[in-house]
Amino acid sequence: MKMRLDRPIALLLVLLLVSATVSVLLYSDNARLDQDGSSASTRLQMNEVLSKAQMAVQGQIKKVDALVSNVSMNISTLGLNGTQVRAKLIAALESNAYILDIITYDINGMVMAAEPEACRSLEGTNLSAQETVVKLLTTKMPVMSEVFSSTEGETGAVFAAPVFDADGQFIGAVSALFSASALMNGTLPHLLEGTEFAFFCAQLDGTDIYDTDTAQIGMNLITDYVDYPEVQDIGRRLVNESTGHGTYSYLISLGDDTVVDKECYWTTVGSHGITWRLIIIHQV
């Protein structure tokens, strides 16, 4: 009789053990699936925000480009200097908050008019050695530059458009210096509201031209992060891949020594052959 009672008890213990093991496995699987689902949801949201960011930044770039082209057409019968020309330049400045200054120059690269008034000291300066000026004077086509430090101490990029007179004769160009950082800072932050994401934007030489972590603006992903080879690898990929995804380890921010894992997606913005990589980041 004792043997008959021990067997059901033993069987019950085995069933309980199996049930407990299955429960642990199911809990583990559910936890993993929840985590995978959360990761998938985050990645989907990152791509959605990045897509909106690309359209927004590209839209602002096109606005500056179109404004410069319109000025070039509007002064075609007026020349490169004079009261009416200056009025057109000032109106362009006032219509777009991202433009820092706007100038005209002749077929020799000599600055003929410059606005605002604080930049008029540029008038008479020969810009013929500048890469974008050389390109425009040679091609007589609109150009965009990479971000650079201008002679007047501003950091920005240039849109320039050729000016043709009423007879179709090429007489020079109109060129606007705009702040890429201000353009993106005025476009991107609201897209991050309610998220834990961040943005940065890099030129194809690896230079950070915009960053949610402003301390990193101006740093080069390839040459300035020697202690973080994964960041350098991302930098090299950005040069060669117009879109992509990657993971790397880096500081939470430049002023924080805590190293964390980060995930990023990137896409491309730009115009006239100049391209920047716009990157969205999330701490894993």
Protein backbone atom coordinates (compact mmCIF):
# COMPACT_ATOMS: atom_id res chain seq x y z
CA MET A 1 0.00 0.00 0.00
CA LYS A 2 2.86 2.34 0.79
CA MET A 3 4.47 1.69 -2.61
CA ARG A 4 1.20 2.58 -4.38
CA LEU A 5 1.04 5.94 -2.56
CA ASP A 6 4.72 6.80 -3.25
CA ARG A 7 4.36 6.40 -7.00
CA PRO A 8 1.57 9.02 -7.46
CA ILE A 9 3.48 11.41 -5.20
CA ALA A 10 6.65 10.91 -7.21
CA LEU A 11 4.74 11.36 -10.48
CA LEU A 12 3.15 14.51 -9.12
CA LEU A 13 6.57 15.89 -8.16
CA VAL A 14 7.90 15.16 -11.65
CA LEU A 15 4.90 16.90 -13.22
CA LEU A 16 5.34 19.90 -10.96
CA LEU A 17 9.03 20.08 -11.84
CA VAL A 18 8.28 19.86 -15.56
CA SER A 19 5.55 22.47 -15.22
CA ALA A 20 7.91 24.82 -13.35
CA THR A 21 10.62 24.32 -16.00
CA VAL A 22 8.17 25.02 -18.82
CA SER A 23 6.93 28.14 -17.00
CA VAL A 24 10.50 29.44 -16.66
CA LEU A 25 11.17 28.77 -20.34
CA LEU A 26 7.92 30.43 -21.40
CA TYR A 27 8.67 33.44 -19.21
CA SER A 28 12.16 33.66 -20.70
CA ASP A 29 10.80 33.37 -24.24
CA ASN A 30 8.09 35.96 -23.57
CA ALA A 31 10.64 38.33 -22.05
CA ARG A 32 12.87 37.88 -25.09
CA LEU A 33 9.95 38.39 -27.46
CA ASP A 34 8.91 41.51 -25.54
CA GLN A 35 12.45 42.83 -25.77
CA ASP A 36 12.67 41.97 -29.47
CA GLY A 37 9.29 43.61 -30.01
CA SER A 38 10.40 46.72 -28.15
CA SER A 39 13.64 46.86 -30.18
CA ALA A 40 11.72 46.43 -33.42
CA SER A 41 9.29 49.17 -32.42
CA THR A 42 12.18 51.52 -31.54
CA ARG A 43 13.90 50.87 -34.85
CA LEU A 44 10.69 51.50 -36.74
CA GLN A 45 10.20 54.77 -34.89
CA MET A 46 13.82 55.78 -35.57
CA ASN A 47 13.32 55.27 -39.28
CA GLU A 48 10.05 57.18 -39.26
CA VAL A 49 11.63 60.14 -37.46
CA LEU A 50 14.69 60.04 -39.73
CA SER A 51 12.49 60.06 -42.82
CA LYS A 52 10.63 63.13 -41.53
CA ALA A 53 13.95 64.78 -40.67
CA GLN A 54 15.33 64.14 -44.14
CA MET A 55 12.31 65.73 -45.79
CA ALA A 56 12.37 68.70 -43.42
CA VAL A 57 16.09 69.45 -43.80
CA GLN A 58 16.02 68.89 -47.55
CA GLY A 59 13.05 71.22 -47.78
CA GLN A 60 14.93 74.00 -45.98
CA ILE A 61 18.01 73.48 -48.15
CA LYS A 62 15.86 73.83 -51.26
CA LYS A 63 14.34 77.03 -49.91
CA VAL A 64 17.75 78.67 -49.55
CA ASP A 65 18.79 77.38 -52.98
CA ALA A 66 15.62 78.67 -54.63
CA LEU A 67 15.94 82.05 -52.91
CA VAL A 68 19.45 82.56 -54.28
CA SER A 69 18.35 81.53 -57.77
CA ASN A 70 15.43 83.99 -57.60
CA VAL A 71 17.75 86.82 -56.59
CA SER A 72 20.05 86.03 -59.53
CA MET A 73 17.10 86.31 -61.93
CA ASN A 74 15.72 89.45 -60.27
CA ILE A 75 18.97 91.37 -60.65
CA SER A 76 19.70 90.23 -64.20
CA THR A 77 18.58 93.58 -65.60
CA LEU A 78 20.01 95.60 -62.71
CA GLY A 79 23.65 94.54 -62.65
CA LEU A 80 25.70 93.49 -59.63
CA ASN A 81 25.59 96.71 -57.58
CA GLY A 82 23.45 99.74 -56.94
CA THR A 83 20.50 100.71 -54.75
CA GLN A 84 18.04 98.34 -56.41
CA VAL A 85 20.46 95.40 -56.27
CA ARG A 86 21.11 96.01 -52.58
CA ALA A 87 17.37 96.15 -51.95
CA LYS A 88 17.04 92.68 -53.51
CA LEU A 89 19.89 91.35 -51.39
CA ILE A 90 18.46 92.80 -48.17
CA ALA A 91 15.00 91.41 -48.98
CA ALA A 92 16.53 87.95 -49.41
CA LEU A 93 18.31 88.25 -46.06
CA GLU A 94 15.12 89.28 -44.32
CA SER A 95 13.10 86.45 -45.84
CA ASN A 96 15.28 83.61 -44.57
CA ALA A 97 16.64 83.47 -41.02
CA TYR A 98 19.39 80.99 -41.94
CA ILE A 99 21.19 83.28 -44.39
CA LEU A 100 24.13 85.03 -42.74
CA ASP A 101 25.17 87.27 -45.62
CA ILE A 102 24.66 87.62 -49.34
CA ILE A 103 26.99 89.06 -51.97
CA THR A 104 27.45 89.54 -55.69
CA TYR A 105 30.73 89.08 -57.53
CA ASP A 106 31.81 89.64 -61.13
CA ILE A 107 33.37 87.29 -63.68
CA ASN A 108 36.76 87.85 -62.04
CA GLY A 109 35.52 86.88 -58.58
CA MET A 110 35.58 90.48 -57.31
CA VAL A 111 32.90 91.25 -54.70
CA MET A 112 30.67 94.03 -55.99
CA ALA A 113 27.98 94.26 -53.29
CA ALA A 114 27.63 92.69 -49.84
CA GLU A 115 24.83 92.75 -47.28
CA PRO A 116 24.14 93.19 -44.40
CA GLU A 117 25.98 96.43 -43.77
CA ALA A 118 28.43 94.71 -41.39
CA CYS A 119 29.74 92.69 -44.35
CA ARG A 120 30.32 95.58 -46.75
CA SER A 121 34.02 95.46 -45.95
CA LEU A 122 34.07 92.44 -48.28
CA GLU A 123 33.38 94.67 -51.26
CA GLY A 124 36.45 94.84 -53.45
CA THR A 125 37.74 91.50 -52.16
CA ASN A 126 38.83 88.99 -54.79
CA LEU A 127 37.36 85.53 -54.14
CA SER A 128 38.64 83.89 -57.31
CA ALA A 129 40.79 81.43 -55.36
CA GLN A 130 37.80 79.92 -53.51
CA GLU A 131 36.74 76.51 -54.74
CA THR A 132 33.04 77.28 -55.18
CA VAL A 133 33.80 80.56 -56.95
CA VAL A 134 36.15 78.78 -59.35
CA LYS A 135 33.50 76.13 -60.01
CA LEU A 136 30.73 78.65 -60.67
CA LEU A 137 32.88 80.88 -62.90
CA THR A 138 33.98 77.82 -64.85
CA THR A 139 30.64 76.04 -65.21
CA LYS A 140 28.31 79.04 -65.03
CA MET A 141 25.99 76.73 -63.09
CA PRO A 142 24.55 76.92 -59.54
CA VAL A 143 26.82 75.51 -56.84
CA MET A 144 26.72 74.55 -53.18
CA SER A 145 29.76 74.34 -50.92
CA GLU A 146 30.70 72.21 -47.97
CA VAL A 147 30.60 73.88 -44.55
CA PHE A 148 33.63 76.12 -43.97
CA SER A 149 34.84 79.10 -41.95
CA SER A 150 34.30 82.23 -44.05
CA THR A 151 36.58 85.24 -44.32
CA GLU A 152 34.18 87.18 -42.11
CA GLY A 153 34.50 84.63 -39.33
CA GLU A 154 31.18 82.84 -39.84
CA THR A 155 30.84 79.09 -40.21
CA GLY A 156 28.43 78.06 -42.90
CA ALA A 157 27.90 76.79 -46.42
CA VAL A 158 27.34 78.71 -49.63
CA PHE A 159 24.72 78.61 -52.35
CA ALA A 160 25.70 80.56 -55.45
CA ALA A 161 23.87 81.12 -58.73
CA PRO A 162 25.12 82.68 -61.97
CA VAL A 163 23.77 86.05 -63.12
CA PHE A 164 23.11 86.67 -66.80
CA ASP A 165 22.18 90.09 -68.15
CA ALA A 166 19.21 90.89 -70.40
CA ASP A 167 21.21 89.74 -73.44
CA GLY A 168 22.05 86.41 -71.84
CA GLN A 169 25.64 87.44 -71.17
CA PHE A 170 27.24 85.95 -68.04
CA ILE A 171 28.21 88.83 -65.75
CA GLY A 172 28.89 87.20 -62.39
CA ALA A 173 27.06 85.57 -59.53
CA VAL A 174 25.03 86.03 -56.37
CA SER A 175 26.18 84.01 -53.38
CA ALA A 176 24.57 83.47 -49.97
CA LEU A 177 26.33 82.15 -46.90
CA PHE A 178 23.91 80.22 -44.69
CA SER A 179 24.31 78.47 -41.34
CA ALA A 180 23.83 74.72 -41.79
CA SER A 181 23.82 74.26 -38.04
CA ALA A 182 21.13 76.92 -37.52
CA LEU A 183 19.07 75.45 -40.35
CA MET A 184 19.05 72.01 -38.74
CA ASN A 185 18.66 73.38 -35.23
CA GLY A 186 15.56 75.19 -36.41
CA THR A 187 14.22 72.09 -38.15
CA LEU A 188 15.09 68.95 -36.16
CA PRO A 189 14.56 69.38 -32.37
CA HIS A 190 10.75 69.26 -32.48
CA LEU A 191 10.98 65.87 -34.22
CA LEU A 192 12.75 64.49 -31.14
CA GLU A 193 10.03 65.51 -28.69
CA GLY A 194 8.77 62.49 -26.77
CA THR A 195 11.69 60.31 -27.88
CA GLU A 196 15.12 59.41 -26.52
CA PHE A 197 16.76 59.89 -29.91
CA ALA A 198 19.45 62.34 -30.99
CA PHE A 199 20.72 63.68 -34.33
CA PHE A 200 24.00 64.60 -35.87
CA CYS A 201 25.00 65.49 -39.41
CA ALA A 202 28.36 64.90 -41.06
CA GLN A 203 30.10 65.93 -44.26
CA LEU A 204 31.73 63.27 -46.40
CA ASP A 205 35.12 64.19 -44.96
CA GLY A 206 33.80 63.03 -41.58
CA THR A 207 33.32 66.50 -40.06
CA ASP A 208 30.39 66.84 -37.66
CA ILE A 209 28.50 69.94 -38.85
CA TYR A 210 25.47 69.59 -36.58
CA ASP A 211 24.96 67.67 -33.36
CA THR A 212 22.39 67.45 -30.59
CA ASP A 213 25.51 67.19 -28.40
CA THR A 214 26.82 70.59 -29.52
CA ALA A 215 30.29 70.01 -28.03
CA GLN A 216 30.98 67.55 -30.85
CA ILE A 217 30.30 69.99 -33.70
CA GLY A 218 33.50 70.46 -35.69
CA MET A 219 35.01 67.14 -34.65
CA ASN A 220 35.92 64.57 -37.29
CA LEU A 221 34.49 61.07 -36.95
CA ILE A 222 37.47 59.47 -38.64
CA THR A 223 40.41 61.37 -37.16
CA ASP A 224 39.24 62.66 -33.76
CA TYR A 225 37.90 59.45 -32.19
CA VAL A 226 41.03 57.28 -32.09
CA ASP A 227 40.02 55.85 -28.69
CA TYR A 228 36.71 54.70 -30.15
CA PRO A 229 37.42 52.60 -33.26
CA GLU A 230 33.76 51.70 -33.65
CA VAL A 231 32.94 55.39 -34.10
CA GLN A 232 35.68 55.61 -36.72
CA ASP A 233 34.21 52.60 -38.51
CA ILE A 234 30.83 54.30 -38.61
CA GLY A 235 32.55 57.41 -39.97
CA ARG A 236 34.16 55.44 -42.79
CA ARG A 237 30.84 53.82 -43.64
CA LEU A 238 29.13 57.21 -43.73
CA VAL A 239 31.60 58.31 -46.39
CA ASN A 240 30.76 55.38 -48.66
CA GLU A 241 27.12 54.53 -47.91
CA SER A 242 24.28 56.96 -48.63
CA THR A 243 22.01 55.11 -46.20
CA GLY A 244 22.80 52.59 -43.51
CA HIS A 245 22.53 51.19 -40.01
CA GLY A 246 25.18 50.49 -37.40
CA THR A 247 26.00 50.05 -33.73
CA TYR A 248 28.92 51.36 -31.74
CA SER A 249 30.12 52.14 -28.22
CA TYR A 250 30.72 55.73 -27.17
CA LEU A 251 30.25 58.19 -24.32
CA ILE A 252 26.71 59.19 -23.34
CA SER A 253 27.85 62.69 -24.28
CA LEU A 254 31.22 64.39 -24.67
CA GLY A 255 31.15 65.62 -21.07
CA ASP A 256 30.11 62.26 -19.59
CA ASP A 257 32.71 59.49 -19.14
CA THR A 258 30.11 56.70 -19.16
CA VAL A 259 30.47 54.48 -22.24
CA VAL A 260 27.23 53.02 -23.62
CA ASP A 261 26.11 51.09 -26.68
CA LYS A 262 24.39 53.13 -29.36
CA GLU A 263 22.46 52.31 -32.51
CA CYS A 264 22.14 54.58 -35.52
CA TYR A 265 20.51 54.92 -38.92
CA TRP A 266 21.51 57.46 -41.53
CA THR A 267 20.37 58.98 -44.79
CA THR A 268 21.50 61.73 -47.18
CA VAL A 269 20.61 65.39 -47.75
CA GLY A 270 22.20 68.04 -49.94
CA SER A 271 22.15 69.70 -53.35
CA HIS A 272 24.26 70.33 -56.46
CA GLY A 273 26.51 67.35 -55.83
CA ILE A 274 27.22 68.19 -52.18
CA THR A 275 25.89 65.57 -49.79
CA TRP A 276 25.69 65.36 -46.02
CA ARG A 277 24.80 62.35 -43.94
CA LEU A 278 21.97 62.89 -41.46
CA ILE A 279 22.17 60.39 -38.58
CA ILE A 280 19.67 59.46 -35.88
CA ILE A 281 21.00 57.81 -32.71
CA HIS A 282 19.48 55.81 -29.87
CA GLN A 283 21.16 54.47 -26.74
CA VAL A 284 20.61 50.71 -26.73
